[in-house]
Amino acid sequence: MNETTPAFNNIDKKRLGFYSTLMFGAFSIYVVFVCLSNIISSNILFSGMMLLEITELVYQTIEILAFFFAYAYVIYAIYMGGYRYALRFAIVYAVAISARYVILFALDWIFFGLKTEDVPVSLLFVLINVLLELLQYVLVGAIAQINVNAFNKKVAIMQKGAARLKDTSIVRERLIFPYQKMPIKNDPLRFSALLTALLMGAIRVIGRISYDIGYGAPADLSDVLWMILYYTFDILIGVACYFVLLFIVRKLILSKEN
């Protein structure tokens, strides 16, 4: 399927609209809970309560799920139509990510009295964070593009051979679904999801290590146990990423367009 077919354009209108709503909605809710977390952490009335932990858990979960959906969509888009089609989703993602950081920066400036002389440094951090998240997105897209290109070449060879034998049974999706038909390395969807999950898990673990180095060595057994819990949580996020991406991509590809 290429980008000029009517079916592809129908997918574009429906998927792009849903994806845009999903990204902006998720990050809007994220900002709301970050604001709640800041209010709770700065108000003595909430001290000793679990509200801060709950709000932090909520906005971190929303962020992770937003990344899952974004990465699933870029794999889906590249499989369906290549990087040119995926670029449409990437633009929405870039705008949503940038808007989230700019809004958080503005709220910090308004509510926490950011000094004027500190604004350039803060804006630089905003730019760096946006670029790092866009880099992650580009890496996921590159992973998917490489795997899909390799798969498409194999499909083309198989279809040419089938045409000579007057066999019309070579259908692209049927070579993949169900997933058990093909080794994971030859399956562009499963292999892309696996490499994306490894990338996401590695980024979180590296970030955790950097934080622990800056924070210092654990003071007691309790600190060690918390460290183990956090690292386990980061690894589990990577595992969940693989299965969630596969579920979303499968649903997107196999769903019937009206």
C-alpha atoms as a PDB file:
ATOM      1  CA  MET A   1       0.000   0.000   0.000  1.00  0.00           C
ATOM      2  CA  ASN A   2       1.349   3.469  -0.805  1.00  0.00           C
ATOM      3  CA  GLU A   3       0.421   6.945   0.274  1.00  0.00           C
ATOM      4  CA  THR A   4      -1.657   7.826  -2.791  1.00  0.00           C
ATOM      5  CA  THR A   5      -4.364   5.192  -2.438  1.00  0.00           C
ATOM      6  CA  PRO A   6      -7.828   6.286  -1.175  1.00  0.00           C
ATOM      7  CA  ALA A   7      -7.685   3.705   1.635  1.00  0.00           C
ATOM      8  CA  PHE A   8      -4.438   5.176   2.852  1.00  0.00           C
ATOM      9  CA  ASN A   9      -5.879   8.689   2.851  1.00  0.00           C
ATOM     10  CA  ASN A  10      -8.910   7.453   4.826  1.00  0.00           C
ATOM     11  CA  ILE A  11      -6.564   5.940   7.394  1.00  0.00           C
ATOM     12  CA  ASP A  12      -4.680   9.220   7.489  1.00  0.00           C
ATOM     13  CA  LYS A  13      -7.738  11.337   8.321  1.00  0.00           C
ATOM     14  CA  LYS A  14      -9.078   9.024  11.003  1.00  0.00           C
ATOM     15  CA  ARG A  15      -5.800   7.985  12.583  1.00  0.00           C
ATOM     16  CA  LEU A  16      -4.183  11.399  12.513  1.00  0.00           C
ATOM     17  CA  GLY A  17      -7.207  13.044  14.133  1.00  0.00           C
ATOM     18  CA  PHE A  18      -7.409  10.408  16.846  1.00  0.00           C
ATOM     19  CA  TYR A  19      -3.663  10.495  17.429  1.00  0.00           C
ATOM     20  CA  SER A  20      -3.652  14.294  17.731  1.00  0.00           C
ATOM     21  CA  THR A  21      -6.470  14.221  20.281  1.00  0.00           C
ATOM     22  CA  LEU A  22      -4.733  11.449  22.192  1.00  0.00           C
ATOM     23  CA  MET A  23      -1.346  13.190  22.401  1.00  0.00           C
ATOM     24  CA  PHE A  24      -2.639  16.629  23.342  1.00  0.00           C
ATOM     25  CA  GLY A  25      -5.203  15.147  25.738  1.00  0.00           C
ATOM     26  CA  ALA A  26      -2.634  12.972  27.499  1.00  0.00           C
ATOM     27  CA  PHE A  27      -0.104  15.760  27.930  1.00  0.00           C
ATOM     28  CA  SER A  28      -2.817  18.206  29.056  1.00  0.00           C
ATOM     29  CA  ILE A  29      -3.834  15.813  31.819  1.00  0.00           C
ATOM     30  CA  TYR A  30      -0.149  15.335  32.594  1.00  0.00           C
ATOM     31  CA  VAL A  31       0.287  19.099  33.085  1.00  0.00           C
ATOM     32  CA  VAL A  32      -2.793  19.245  35.352  1.00  0.00           C
ATOM     33  CA  PHE A  33      -1.416  16.558  37.659  1.00  0.00           C
ATOM     34  CA  VAL A  34       2.045  18.134  37.696  1.00  0.00           C
ATOM     35  CA  CYS A  35       0.374  21.367  38.864  1.00  0.00           C
ATOM     36  CA  LEU A  36      -1.533  19.445  41.546  1.00  0.00           C
ATOM     37  CA  SER A  37       1.712  17.822  42.649  1.00  0.00           C
ATOM     38  CA  ASN A  38       3.420  21.228  42.952  1.00  0.00           C
ATOM     39  CA  ILE A  39       0.503  22.654  44.934  1.00  0.00           C
ATOM     40  CA  ILE A  40       0.434  19.675  47.293  1.00  0.00           C
ATOM     41  CA  SER A  41       4.203  19.660  47.820  1.00  0.00           C
ATOM     42  CA  SER A  42       4.228  23.357  48.723  1.00  0.00           C
ATOM     43  CA  ASN A  43       1.232  23.281  51.083  1.00  0.00           C
ATOM     44  CA  ILE A  44       1.806  22.200  54.673  1.00  0.00           C
ATOM     45  CA  LEU A  45      -1.839  21.153  54.983  1.00  0.00           C
ATOM     46  CA  PHE A  46      -1.085  18.102  52.833  1.00  0.00           C
ATOM     47  CA  SER A  47       2.047  17.021  54.716  1.00  0.00           C
ATOM     48  CA  GLY A  48       1.977  13.441  55.938  1.00  0.00           C
ATOM     49  CA  MET A  49      -0.667  12.480  53.374  1.00  0.00           C
ATOM     50  CA  MET A  50      -0.267  10.209  50.340  1.00  0.00           C
ATOM     51  CA  LEU A  51      -1.643  12.774  47.874  1.00  0.00           C
ATOM     52  CA  LEU A  52       1.789  13.789  46.602  1.00  0.00           C
ATOM     53  CA  GLU A  53       2.789  10.203  45.864  1.00  0.00           C
ATOM     54  CA  ILE A  54      -0.559   9.560  44.158  1.00  0.00           C
ATOM     55  CA  THR A  55      -0.385  12.618  41.904  1.00  0.00           C
ATOM     56  CA  GLU A  56       3.219  11.838  40.949  1.00  0.00           C
ATOM     57  CA  LEU A  57       2.272   8.249  40.124  1.00  0.00           C
ATOM     58  CA  VAL A  58      -0.633   9.460  37.985  1.00  0.00           C
ATOM     59  CA  TYR A  59       1.320  11.936  35.852  1.00  0.00           C
ATOM     60  CA  GLN A  60       4.263   9.547  35.435  1.00  0.00           C
ATOM     61  CA  THR A  61       1.878   6.790  34.309  1.00  0.00           C
ATOM     62  CA  ILE A  62       0.176   9.159  31.843  1.00  0.00           C
ATOM     63  CA  GLU A  63       3.562  10.141  30.414  1.00  0.00           C
ATOM     64  CA  ILE A  64       4.641   6.519  29.975  1.00  0.00           C
ATOM     65  CA  LEU A  65       1.351   5.563  28.289  1.00  0.00           C
ATOM     66  CA  ALA A  66       1.636   8.584  25.965  1.00  0.00           C
ATOM     67  CA  PHE A  67       5.098   7.379  24.928  1.00  0.00           C
ATOM     68  CA  PHE A  68       3.741   3.871  24.353  1.00  0.00           C
ATOM     69  CA  PHE A  69       1.012   5.178  22.029  1.00  0.00           C
ATOM     70  CA  ALA A  70       3.408   7.519  20.216  1.00  0.00           C
ATOM     71  CA  TYR A  71       5.943   4.766  19.572  1.00  0.00           C
ATOM     72  CA  ALA A  72       3.247   2.288  18.520  1.00  0.00           C
ATOM     73  CA  TYR A  73       1.886   4.779  16.015  1.00  0.00           C
ATOM     74  CA  VAL A  74       5.263   5.480  14.432  1.00  0.00           C
ATOM     75  CA  ILE A  75       5.838   1.735  13.947  1.00  0.00           C
ATOM     76  CA  TYR A  76       2.331   1.386  12.498  1.00  0.00           C
ATOM     77  CA  ALA A  77       2.729   4.417  10.216  1.00  0.00           C
ATOM     78  CA  ILE A  78       6.063   3.284   8.808  1.00  0.00           C
ATOM     79  CA  TYR A  79       4.725  -0.217   8.196  1.00  0.00           C
ATOM     80  CA  MET A  80       1.657   1.182   6.401  1.00  0.00           C
ATOM     81  CA  GLY A  81       3.279   3.892   4.301  1.00  0.00           C
ATOM     82  CA  GLY A  82       6.882   4.672   5.176  1.00  0.00           C
ATOM     83  CA  TYR A  83       8.580   7.610   6.801  1.00  0.00           C
ATOM     84  CA  ARG A  84       6.659  10.218   4.766  1.00  0.00           C
ATOM     85  CA  TYR A  85       3.394   9.074   6.292  1.00  0.00           C
ATOM     86  CA  ALA A  86       5.000   8.730   9.733  1.00  0.00           C
ATOM     87  CA  LEU A  87       6.182  12.329   9.461  1.00  0.00           C
ATOM     88  CA  ARG A  88       2.587  13.500   9.910  1.00  0.00           C
ATOM     89  CA  PHE A  89       2.397  11.779  13.277  1.00  0.00           C
ATOM     90  CA  ALA A  90       5.881  13.026  14.160  1.00  0.00           C
ATOM     91  CA  ILE A  91       4.832  16.651  13.642  1.00  0.00           C
ATOM     92  CA  VAL A  92       1.874  16.199  16.007  1.00  0.00           C
ATOM     93  CA  TYR A  93       4.146  14.547  18.557  1.00  0.00           C
ATOM     94  CA  ALA A  94       6.742  17.331  18.298  1.00  0.00           C
ATOM     95  CA  VAL A  95       4.133  20.044  18.801  1.00  0.00           C
ATOM     96  CA  ALA A  96       2.556  18.210  21.762  1.00  0.00           C
ATOM     97  CA  ILE A  97       5.926  17.613  23.423  1.00  0.00           C
ATOM     98  CA  SER A  98       7.022  21.216  22.909  1.00  0.00           C
ATOM     99  CA  ALA A  99       3.700  22.573  24.201  1.00  0.00           C
ATOM    100  CA  ARG A 100       3.979  20.442  27.337  1.00  0.00           C
ATOM    101  CA  TYR A 101       7.434  21.752  28.238  1.00  0.00           C
ATOM    102  CA  VAL A 102       6.606  25.358  27.386  1.00  0.00           C
ATOM    103  CA  ILE A 103       3.466  25.260  29.555  1.00  0.00           C
ATOM    104  CA  LEU A 104       5.384  23.712  32.461  1.00  0.00           C
ATOM    105  CA  PHE A 105       8.062  26.374  32.076  1.00  0.00           C
ATOM    106  CA  ALA A 106       5.423  29.144  32.115  1.00  0.00           C
ATOM    107  CA  LEU A 107       3.734  27.678  35.196  1.00  0.00           C
ATOM    108  CA  ASP A 108       7.061  27.475  37.039  1.00  0.00           C
ATOM    109  CA  TRP A 109       7.725  31.092  36.133  1.00  0.00           C
ATOM    110  CA  ILE A 110       4.270  32.205  37.332  1.00  0.00           C
ATOM    111  CA  PHE A 111       3.898  30.155  40.511  1.00  0.00           C
ATOM    112  CA  PHE A 112       7.481  29.788  41.705  1.00  0.00           C
ATOM    113  CA  GLY A 113       8.850  33.216  40.791  1.00  0.00           C
ATOM    114  CA  LEU A 114      11.537  32.328  38.281  1.00  0.00           C
ATOM    115  CA  LYS A 115      14.091  35.148  38.179  1.00  0.00           C
ATOM    116  CA  THR A 116      14.470  36.975  34.889  1.00  0.00           C
ATOM    117  CA  GLU A 117      18.191  36.249  34.727  1.00  0.00           C
ATOM    118  CA  ASP A 118      17.477  32.516  35.062  1.00  0.00           C
ATOM    119  CA  VAL A 119      15.059  32.454  32.124  1.00  0.00           C
ATOM    120  CA  PRO A 120      17.675  31.780  29.378  1.00  0.00           C
ATOM    121  CA  VAL A 121      19.108  28.798  31.285  1.00  0.00           C
ATOM    122  CA  SER A 122      15.623  27.421  31.978  1.00  0.00           C
ATOM    123  CA  LEU A 123      14.653  27.806  28.321  1.00  0.00           C
ATOM    124  CA  LEU A 124      17.853  25.996  27.346  1.00  0.00           C
ATOM    125  CA  PHE A 125      16.836  23.072  29.563  1.00  0.00           C
ATOM    126  CA  VAL A 126      13.391  23.096  27.934  1.00  0.00           C
ATOM    127  CA  LEU A 127      14.994  22.949  24.483  1.00  0.00           C
ATOM    128  CA  ILE A 128      17.348  20.123  25.520  1.00  0.00           C
ATOM    129  CA  ASN A 129      14.482  18.061  26.969  1.00  0.00           C
ATOM    130  CA  VAL A 130      12.377  18.546  23.853  1.00  0.00           C
ATOM    131  CA  LEU A 131      15.277  17.561  21.586  1.00  0.00           C
ATOM    132  CA  LEU A 132      16.062  14.466  23.675  1.00  0.00           C
ATOM    133  CA  GLU A 133      12.467  13.247  23.495  1.00  0.00           C
ATOM    134  CA  LEU A 134      12.345  13.940  19.771  1.00  0.00           C
ATOM    135  CA  LEU A 135      15.610  12.018  19.388  1.00  0.00           C
ATOM    136  CA  GLN A 136      14.023   9.010  21.099  1.00  0.00           C
ATOM    137  CA  TYR A 137      11.097   9.253  18.672  1.00  0.00           C
ATOM    138  CA  VAL A 138      13.447   9.467  15.678  1.00  0.00           C
ATOM    139  CA  LEU A 139      15.379   6.414  16.921  1.00  0.00           C
ATOM    140  CA  VAL A 140      12.149   4.407  17.173  1.00  0.00           C
ATOM    141  CA  GLY A 141      11.230   5.525  13.660  1.00  0.00           C
ATOM    142  CA  ALA A 142      14.662   4.561  12.349  1.00  0.00           C
ATOM    143  CA  ILE A 143      14.395   1.116  13.968  1.00  0.00           C
ATOM    144  CA  ALA A 144      10.993   0.551  12.381  1.00  0.00           C
ATOM    145  CA  GLN A 145      12.098   1.850   8.974  1.00  0.00           C
ATOM    146  CA  ILE A 146      15.118  -0.471   8.824  1.00  0.00           C
ATOM    147  CA  ASN A 147      13.059  -3.512   9.815  1.00  0.00           C
ATOM    148  CA  VAL A 148      10.161  -2.688   7.478  1.00  0.00           C
ATOM    149  CA  ASN A 149      12.507  -2.060   4.530  1.00  0.00           C
ATOM    150  CA  ALA A 150      14.128  -5.466   5.029  1.00  0.00           C
ATOM    151  CA  PHE A 151      10.707  -7.110   5.285  1.00  0.00           C
ATOM    152  CA  ASN A 152       9.353  -5.333   2.187  1.00  0.00           C
ATOM    153  CA  LYS A 153      12.307  -6.570   0.116  1.00  0.00           C
ATOM    154  CA  LYS A 154      11.581 -10.151   1.155  1.00  0.00           C
ATOM    155  CA  VAL A 155       7.876  -9.732   0.383  1.00  0.00           C
ATOM    156  CA  ALA A 156       8.674  -8.295  -3.067  1.00  0.00           C
ATOM    157  CA  ILE A 157      10.897 -11.269  -3.896  1.00  0.00           C
ATOM    158  CA  MET A 158       8.213 -13.714  -2.720  1.00  0.00           C
ATOM    159  CA  GLN A 159       5.500 -11.942  -4.727  1.00  0.00           C
ATOM    160  CA  LYS A 160       7.601 -12.003  -7.915  1.00  0.00           C
ATOM    161  CA  GLY A 161       8.174 -15.720  -7.472  1.00  0.00           C
ATOM    162  CA  ALA A 162       4.482 -16.286  -6.787  1.00  0.00           C
ATOM    163  CA  ALA A 163       3.519 -14.285  -9.899  1.00  0.00           C
ATOM    164  CA  ARG A 164       5.644 -16.554 -12.085  1.00  0.00           C
ATOM    165  CA  LEU A 165       3.846 -19.551 -10.589  1.00  0.00           C
ATOM    166  CA  LYS A 166       0.480 -17.781 -10.942  1.00  0.00           C
ATOM    167  CA  ASP A 167       0.023 -17.936  -7.182  1.00  0.00           C
ATOM    168  CA  THR A 168      -1.858 -15.031  -5.546  1.00  0.00           C
ATOM    169  CA  SER A 169      -1.603 -16.260  -1.944  1.00  0.00           C
ATOM    170  CA  ILE A 170       1.291 -13.982  -0.954  1.00  0.00           C
ATOM    171  CA  VAL A 171      -0.403 -11.306   1.169  1.00  0.00           C
ATOM    172  CA  ARG A 172       1.840  -9.019   3.219  1.00  0.00           C
ATOM    173  CA  GLU A 173      -0.186  -9.103   6.451  1.00  0.00           C
ATOM    174  CA  ARG A 174      -0.735 -12.862   6.293  1.00  0.00           C
ATOM    175  CA  LEU A 175       3.026 -13.392   6.443  1.00  0.00           C
ATOM    176  CA  ILE A 176       3.030 -11.802   9.897  1.00  0.00           C
ATOM    177  CA  PHE A 177      -0.314 -12.607  11.538  1.00  0.00           C
ATOM    178  CA  PRO A 178      -0.542 -14.644  13.644  1.00  0.00           C
ATOM    179  CA  TYR A 179       2.846 -13.713  15.085  1.00  0.00           C
ATOM    180  CA  GLN A 180       3.924 -17.332  15.586  1.00  0.00           C
ATOM    181  CA  LYS A 181       4.350 -17.780  11.817  1.00  0.00           C
ATOM    182  CA  MET A 182       7.638 -15.903  11.633  1.00  0.00           C
ATOM    183  CA  PRO A 183      10.835 -15.737  13.752  1.00  0.00           C
ATOM    184  CA  ILE A 184      10.915 -12.479  15.700  1.00  0.00           C
ATOM    185  CA  LYS A 185      13.981 -11.122  13.868  1.00  0.00           C
ATOM    186  CA  ASN A 186      12.207 -11.440  10.512  1.00  0.00           C
ATOM    187  CA  ASP A 187       8.981  -9.864  11.771  1.00  0.00           C
ATOM    188  CA  PRO A 188       9.215  -6.057  11.379  1.00  0.00           C
ATOM    189  CA  LEU A 189       6.497  -5.399  13.951  1.00  0.00           C
ATOM    190  CA  ARG A 190       7.676  -7.664  16.753  1.00  0.00           C
ATOM    191  CA  PHE A 191      11.361  -6.862  16.210  1.00  0.00           C
ATOM    192  CA  SER A 192      10.681  -3.112  16.123  1.00  0.00           C
ATOM    193  CA  ALA A 193       8.601  -3.384  19.296  1.00  0.00           C
ATOM    194  CA  LEU A 194      11.342  -5.416  21.000  1.00  0.00           C
ATOM    195  CA  LEU A 195      14.125  -2.985  20.089  1.00  0.00           C
ATOM    196  CA  THR A 196      11.945  -0.030  21.106  1.00  0.00           C
ATOM    197  CA  ALA A 197      11.235  -1.652  24.470  1.00  0.00           C
ATOM    198  CA  LEU A 198      14.954  -2.276  25.005  1.00  0.00           C
ATOM    199  CA  LEU A 199      15.681   1.346  24.063  1.00  0.00           C
ATOM    200  CA  MET A 200      13.045   2.725  26.434  1.00  0.00           C
ATOM    201  CA  GLY A 201      14.153   0.471  29.303  1.00  0.00           C
ATOM    202  CA  ALA A 202      17.817   1.350  28.732  1.00  0.00           C
ATOM    203  CA  ILE A 203      17.096   5.089  28.708  1.00  0.00           C
ATOM    204  CA  ARG A 204      15.205   4.844  31.993  1.00  0.00           C
ATOM    205  CA  VAL A 205      17.917   2.751  33.649  1.00  0.00           C
ATOM    206  CA  ILE A 206      20.674   5.104  32.450  1.00  0.00           C
ATOM    207  CA  GLY A 207      18.668   8.059  33.739  1.00  0.00           C
ATOM    208  CA  ARG A 208      18.227   6.287  37.068  1.00  0.00           C
ATOM    209  CA  ILE A 209      21.965   5.583  37.324  1.00  0.00           C
ATOM    210  CA  SER A 210      22.765   9.246  36.595  1.00  0.00           C
ATOM    211  CA  TYR A 211      20.322  10.319  39.300  1.00  0.00           C
ATOM    212  CA  ASP A 212      21.782   7.882  41.841  1.00  0.00           C
ATOM    213  CA  ILE A 213      25.314   9.066  41.093  1.00  0.00           C
ATOM    214  CA  GLY A 214      24.261  12.667  41.681  1.00  0.00           C
ATOM    215  CA  TYR A 215      22.251  11.752  44.780  1.00  0.00           C
ATOM    216  CA  GLY A 216      25.043   9.746  46.373  1.00  0.00           C
ATOM    217  CA  ALA A 217      25.530   6.271  47.790  1.00  0.00           C
ATOM    218  CA  PRO A 218      22.631   4.666  49.730  1.00  0.00           C
ATOM    219  CA  ALA A 219      22.788   5.429  53.444  1.00  0.00           C
ATOM    220  CA  ASP A 220      21.126   2.262  54.745  1.00  0.00           C
ATOM    221  CA  LEU A 221      19.290  -0.919  53.785  1.00  0.00           C
ATOM    222  CA  SER A 222      16.079   0.996  53.220  1.00  0.00           C
ATOM    223  CA  ASP A 223      17.744   3.113  50.519  1.00  0.00           C
ATOM    224  CA  VAL A 224      19.131  -0.025  48.854  1.00  0.00           C
ATOM    225  CA  LEU A 225      15.691  -1.644  48.784  1.00  0.00           C
ATOM    226  CA  TRP A 226      14.168   1.497  47.266  1.00  0.00           C
ATOM    227  CA  MET A 227      16.890   1.544  44.601  1.00  0.00           C
ATOM    228  CA  ILE A 228      16.190  -2.088  43.726  1.00  0.00           C
ATOM    229  CA  LEU A 229      12.460  -1.328  43.541  1.00  0.00           C
ATOM    230  CA  TYR A 230      12.982   1.634  41.196  1.00  0.00           C
ATOM    231  CA  TYR A 231      15.318  -0.292  38.878  1.00  0.00           C
ATOM    232  CA  THR A 232      12.883  -3.208  38.792  1.00  0.00           C
ATOM    233  CA  PHE A 233      10.096  -0.774  37.926  1.00  0.00           C
ATOM    234  CA  ASP A 234      12.152   0.663  35.043  1.00  0.00           C
ATOM    235  CA  ILE A 235      12.822  -2.804  33.653  1.00  0.00           C
ATOM    236  CA  LEU A 236       9.141  -3.740  33.953  1.00  0.00           C
ATOM    237  CA  ILE A 237       8.236  -0.609  31.980  1.00  0.00           C
ATOM    238  CA  GLY A 238      10.468  -1.890  29.182  1.00  0.00           C
ATOM    239  CA  VAL A 239       8.751  -5.282  29.278  1.00  0.00           C
ATOM    240  CA  ALA A 240       5.307  -3.661  29.288  1.00  0.00           C
ATOM    241  CA  CYS A 241       6.376  -1.454  26.373  1.00  0.00           C
ATOM    242  CA  TYR A 242       6.954  -4.492  24.156  1.00  0.00           C
ATOM    243  CA  PHE A 243       3.549  -6.059  24.779  1.00  0.00           C
ATOM    244  CA  VAL A 244       1.603  -2.782  24.677  1.00  0.00           C
ATOM    245  CA  LEU A 245       3.244  -1.746  21.399  1.00  0.00           C
ATOM    246  CA  LEU A 246       2.462  -5.112  19.838  1.00  0.00           C
ATOM    247  CA  PHE A 247      -1.151  -4.946  20.994  1.00  0.00           C
ATOM    248  CA  ILE A 248      -1.715  -1.418  19.654  1.00  0.00           C
ATOM    249  CA  VAL A 249       0.061  -2.002  16.323  1.00  0.00           C
ATOM    250  CA  ARG A 250      -1.824  -5.243  15.743  1.00  0.00           C
ATOM    251  CA  LYS A 251      -5.168  -3.573  16.449  1.00  0.00           C
ATOM    252  CA  LEU A 252      -4.345  -0.659  14.151  1.00  0.00           C
ATOM    253  CA  ILE A 253      -3.283  -2.835  11.230  1.00  0.00           C
ATOM    254  CA  LEU A 254      -6.015  -5.435  11.509  1.00  0.00           C
ATOM    255  CA  SER A 255      -8.856  -2.997  12.186  1.00  0.00           C
ATOM    256  CA  LYS A 256     -11.206  -2.458   9.244  1.00  0.00           C
ATOM    257  CA  GLU A 257     -11.542   1.046   7.843  1.00  0.00           C
ATOM    258  CA  ASN A 258     -15.042   2.259   7.102  1.00  0.00           C
END
